[in-house]
Amino acid sequence: MKEGIYVINLKRIYWAGRSRRGVRALKFIRKYIARHTKAERVILDNSINEYIHKYGMEKPPRRIMVKVTKIDDKTVKASLAIPIR
């Protein structure tokens, strides 16, 4: 089983309007992980969702550190690399 840590920059999420930044950030994280791991299915842990929406949907963090674990050839699971404070 392979593991890796990615630091994903979410600064581009702030270019658009405020209303759905949290949802767009989660979609961007899923797309980023799929692109870098060549996986067809990406499972996001609930800790990522809690961290993105910690300060509300309009203000997601500027970057996030994610630990990615390969389950099989086409599936990876992503979880938060550092615990939430």
N, C-alpha and C. Protein backbone atom coordinates (compact mmCIF):
# COMPACT_ATOMS: atom_id res chain seq x y z
N MET A 1 0.84 -1.18 0.00
CA MET A 1 0.00 0.00 0.00
C MET A 1 0.89 1.24 0.00
N LYS A 2 0.65 2.14 -0.92
CA LYS A 2 1.45 3.35 -1.02
C LYS A 2 0.74 4.52 -0.37
N GLU A 3 1.54 5.40 0.20
CA GLU A 3 1.01 6.61 0.82
C GLU A 3 1.81 7.81 0.32
N GLY A 4 1.19 8.95 0.35
CA GLY A 4 1.86 10.18 -0.03
C GLY A 4 1.16 11.37 0.61
N ILE A 5 1.90 12.45 0.76
CA ILE A 5 1.34 13.67 1.34
C ILE A 5 1.41 14.76 0.28
N TYR A 6 0.30 15.44 0.08
CA TYR A 6 0.20 16.52 -0.88
C TYR A 6 -0.23 17.79 -0.16
N VAL A 7 0.40 18.90 -0.50
CA VAL A 7 -0.04 20.21 -0.02
C VAL A 7 -0.76 20.85 -1.19
N ILE A 8 -2.06 21.05 -1.04
CA ILE A 8 -2.90 21.54 -2.13
C ILE A 8 -3.19 23.02 -1.88
N ASN A 9 -2.84 23.86 -2.85
CA ASN A 9 -3.06 25.29 -2.75
C ASN A 9 -4.47 25.60 -3.23
N LEU A 10 -5.28 26.20 -2.38
CA LEU A 10 -6.67 26.52 -2.70
C LEU A 10 -6.86 28.00 -2.96
N LYS A 11 -5.79 28.71 -3.24
CA LYS A 11 -5.86 30.15 -3.46
C LYS A 11 -6.76 30.49 -4.65
N ARG A 12 -6.80 29.64 -5.66
CA ARG A 12 -7.59 29.92 -6.86
C ARG A 12 -9.09 29.88 -6.59
N ILE A 13 -9.50 29.23 -5.52
CA ILE A 13 -10.92 29.17 -5.17
C ILE A 13 -11.45 30.56 -4.87
N TYR A 14 -10.60 31.46 -4.38
CA TYR A 14 -11.01 32.80 -4.01
C TYR A 14 -11.22 33.71 -5.21
N TRP A 15 -10.88 33.28 -6.42
CA TRP A 15 -11.08 34.12 -7.60
C TRP A 15 -12.56 34.30 -7.92
N ALA A 16 -13.37 33.34 -7.59
CA ALA A 16 -14.78 33.39 -7.93
C ALA A 16 -15.58 34.00 -6.78
N GLY A 17 -16.90 33.93 -6.91
CA GLY A 17 -17.78 34.49 -5.90
C GLY A 17 -17.68 33.77 -4.57
N ARG A 18 -18.29 34.37 -3.56
CA ARG A 18 -18.16 33.87 -2.19
C ARG A 18 -19.09 32.72 -1.85
N SER A 19 -20.21 32.61 -2.52
CA SER A 19 -21.30 31.80 -2.00
C SER A 19 -20.99 30.31 -1.91
N ARG A 20 -20.24 29.73 -2.85
CA ARG A 20 -20.05 28.28 -2.85
C ARG A 20 -18.57 27.90 -2.83
N ARG A 21 -17.75 28.66 -2.17
CA ARG A 21 -16.31 28.39 -2.15
C ARG A 21 -15.98 27.06 -1.49
N GLY A 22 -16.69 26.70 -0.43
CA GLY A 22 -16.41 25.44 0.25
C GLY A 22 -16.68 24.23 -0.63
N VAL A 23 -17.78 24.26 -1.35
CA VAL A 23 -18.12 23.16 -2.25
C VAL A 23 -17.12 23.09 -3.40
N ARG A 24 -16.74 24.24 -3.93
CA ARG A 24 -15.77 24.28 -5.02
C ARG A 24 -14.40 23.79 -4.55
N ALA A 25 -14.05 24.06 -3.30
CA ALA A 25 -12.77 23.60 -2.76
C ALA A 25 -12.73 22.08 -2.68
N LEU A 26 -13.83 21.46 -2.23
CA LEU A 26 -13.88 20.00 -2.16
C LEU A 26 -13.78 19.37 -3.54
N LYS A 27 -14.46 19.95 -4.53
CA LYS A 27 -14.37 19.44 -5.90
C LYS A 27 -12.96 19.58 -6.45
N PHE A 28 -12.31 20.71 -6.12
CA PHE A 28 -10.94 20.94 -6.59
C PHE A 28 -9.97 19.94 -5.97
N ILE A 29 -10.14 19.64 -4.67
CA ILE A 29 -9.28 18.67 -4.00
C ILE A 29 -9.44 17.29 -4.62
N ARG A 30 -10.67 16.89 -4.88
CA ARG A 30 -10.93 15.59 -5.50
C ARG A 30 -10.29 15.50 -6.89
N LYS A 31 -10.42 16.57 -7.67
CA LYS A 31 -9.86 16.60 -9.02
C LYS A 31 -8.33 16.60 -8.98
N TYR A 32 -7.75 17.35 -8.05
CA TYR A 32 -6.29 17.43 -7.90
C TYR A 32 -5.71 16.05 -7.56
N ILE A 33 -6.33 15.37 -6.61
CA ILE A 33 -5.83 14.05 -6.19
C ILE A 33 -5.97 13.04 -7.32
N ALA A 34 -7.09 13.08 -8.03
CA ALA A 34 -7.29 12.17 -9.15
C ALA A 34 -6.23 12.40 -10.24
N ARG A 35 -5.90 13.65 -10.50
CA ARG A 35 -4.91 13.97 -11.53
C ARG A 35 -3.51 13.51 -11.12
N HIS A 36 -3.15 13.69 -9.88
CA HIS A 36 -1.79 13.37 -9.45
C HIS A 36 -1.57 11.90 -9.11
N THR A 37 -2.64 11.18 -8.83
CA THR A 37 -2.48 9.76 -8.49
C THR A 37 -2.96 8.84 -9.60
N LYS A 38 -3.55 9.41 -10.65
CA LYS A 38 -4.10 8.64 -11.78
C LYS A 38 -5.17 7.65 -11.32
N ALA A 39 -5.96 8.07 -10.36
CA ALA A 39 -7.03 7.23 -9.82
C ALA A 39 -8.36 7.64 -10.44
N GLU A 40 -9.24 6.67 -10.61
CA GLU A 40 -10.57 6.95 -11.14
C GLU A 40 -11.55 7.30 -10.02
N ARG A 41 -11.30 6.78 -8.82
CA ARG A 41 -12.20 7.01 -7.70
C ARG A 41 -11.42 7.57 -6.52
N VAL A 42 -11.87 8.70 -5.99
CA VAL A 42 -11.21 9.34 -4.85
C VAL A 42 -12.22 9.42 -3.71
N ILE A 43 -11.84 8.86 -2.57
CA ILE A 43 -12.69 8.88 -1.38
C ILE A 43 -12.10 9.93 -0.43
N LEU A 44 -12.90 10.95 -0.10
CA LEU A 44 -12.46 11.98 0.82
C LEU A 44 -12.96 11.66 2.22
N ASP A 45 -12.07 11.73 3.18
CA ASP A 45 -12.42 11.48 4.58
C ASP A 45 -13.25 12.66 5.11
N ASN A 46 -14.04 12.42 6.12
CA ASN A 46 -14.87 13.47 6.70
C ASN A 46 -14.04 14.57 7.36
N SER A 47 -12.81 14.27 7.76
CA SER A 47 -11.96 15.28 8.39
C SER A 47 -11.61 16.41 7.40
N ILE A 48 -11.50 16.09 6.11
CA ILE A 48 -11.25 17.12 5.10
C ILE A 48 -12.45 18.04 5.01
N ASN A 49 -13.64 17.48 4.99
CA ASN A 49 -14.87 18.27 4.92
C ASN A 49 -14.99 19.20 6.13
N GLU A 50 -14.70 18.69 7.31
CA GLU A 50 -14.78 19.51 8.52
C GLU A 50 -13.75 20.64 8.49
N TYR A 51 -12.55 20.35 7.99
CA TYR A 51 -11.50 21.37 7.94
C TYR A 51 -11.83 22.47 6.93
N ILE A 52 -12.40 22.10 5.79
CA ILE A 52 -12.76 23.09 4.77
C ILE A 52 -13.86 24.01 5.28
N HIS A 53 -14.85 23.45 5.95
CA HIS A 53 -16.00 24.24 6.41
C HIS A 53 -15.84 24.75 7.85
N LYS A 54 -14.63 24.71 8.38
CA LYS A 54 -14.39 25.12 9.76
C LYS A 54 -14.76 26.59 10.00
N TYR A 55 -14.43 27.46 9.06
CA TYR A 55 -14.73 28.89 9.20
C TYR A 55 -15.89 29.32 8.32
N GLY A 56 -16.67 28.39 7.84
CA GLY A 56 -17.83 28.71 7.03
C GLY A 56 -17.58 28.38 5.56
N MET A 57 -18.65 28.36 4.81
CA MET A 57 -18.56 27.99 3.40
C MET A 57 -17.88 29.08 2.58
N GLU A 58 -17.94 30.32 3.03
CA GLU A 58 -17.38 31.43 2.26
C GLU A 58 -15.89 31.62 2.46
N LYS A 59 -15.30 31.03 3.50
CA LYS A 59 -13.88 31.25 3.80
C LYS A 59 -13.13 29.95 4.01
N PRO A 60 -12.91 29.17 2.97
CA PRO A 60 -12.09 27.96 3.13
C PRO A 60 -10.63 28.32 3.33
N PRO A 61 -9.82 27.41 3.86
CA PRO A 61 -8.40 27.72 4.06
C PRO A 61 -7.68 27.90 2.72
N ARG A 62 -6.55 28.60 2.74
CA ARG A 62 -5.80 28.87 1.52
C ARG A 62 -5.04 27.65 1.02
N ARG A 63 -4.68 26.75 1.92
CA ARG A 63 -4.01 25.51 1.51
C ARG A 63 -4.36 24.42 2.52
N ILE A 64 -4.19 23.18 2.06
CA ILE A 64 -4.54 22.05 2.91
C ILE A 64 -3.52 20.94 2.67
N MET A 65 -3.14 20.24 3.74
CA MET A 65 -2.20 19.13 3.65
C MET A 65 -2.99 17.83 3.77
N VAL A 66 -2.87 17.00 2.73
CA VAL A 66 -3.69 15.79 2.61
C VAL A 66 -2.79 14.57 2.51
N LYS A 67 -3.15 13.51 3.27
CA LYS A 67 -2.44 12.23 3.16
C LYS A 67 -3.28 11.31 2.29
N VAL A 68 -2.65 10.79 1.22
CA VAL A 68 -3.35 9.95 0.26
C VAL A 68 -2.85 8.53 0.39
N THR A 69 -3.77 7.57 0.53
CA THR A 69 -3.45 6.16 0.65
C THR A 69 -4.09 5.42 -0.51
N LYS A 70 -3.31 4.59 -1.18
CA LYS A 70 -3.82 3.83 -2.31
C LYS A 70 -4.49 2.56 -1.80
N ILE A 71 -5.76 2.38 -2.14
CA ILE A 71 -6.50 1.19 -1.72
C ILE A 71 -6.31 0.07 -2.74
N ASP A 72 -6.58 0.37 -3.99
CA ASP A 72 -6.27 -0.55 -5.08
C ASP A 72 -5.85 0.27 -6.30
N ASP A 73 -5.79 -0.34 -7.48
CA ASP A 73 -5.26 0.35 -8.64
C ASP A 73 -6.05 1.60 -9.04
N LYS A 74 -7.35 1.58 -8.85
CA LYS A 74 -8.18 2.68 -9.32
C LYS A 74 -8.81 3.50 -8.20
N THR A 75 -8.53 3.18 -6.96
CA THR A 75 -9.17 3.85 -5.83
C THR A 75 -8.12 4.35 -4.84
N VAL A 76 -8.28 5.60 -4.40
CA VAL A 76 -7.42 6.16 -3.35
C VAL A 76 -8.31 6.79 -2.29
N LYS A 77 -7.80 6.85 -1.07
CA LYS A 77 -8.50 7.48 0.04
C LYS A 77 -7.65 8.63 0.55
N ALA A 78 -8.26 9.79 0.73
CA ALA A 78 -7.57 10.98 1.21
C ALA A 78 -8.09 11.37 2.58
N SER A 79 -7.16 11.70 3.48
CA SER A 79 -7.53 12.17 4.80
C SER A 79 -6.64 13.35 5.15
N LEU A 80 -7.01 14.07 6.17
CA LEU A 80 -6.25 15.24 6.60
C LEU A 80 -4.93 14.78 7.20
N ALA A 81 -3.82 15.40 6.78
CA ALA A 81 -2.51 14.97 7.24
C ALA A 81 -2.19 15.47 8.64
N ILE A 82 -2.77 16.61 9.03
CA ILE A 82 -2.53 17.15 10.36
C ILE A 82 -3.87 17.20 11.10
N PRO A 83 -3.89 16.97 12.39
CA PRO A 83 -5.16 16.98 13.11
C PRO A 83 -5.73 18.40 13.20
N ILE A 84 -7.05 18.48 13.30
CA ILE A 84 -7.74 19.77 13.42
C ILE A 84 -7.56 20.28 14.84
N ARG A 85 -7.24 21.56 14.94
CA ARG A 85 -7.11 22.17 16.27
C ARG A 85 -8.40 22.77 16.72
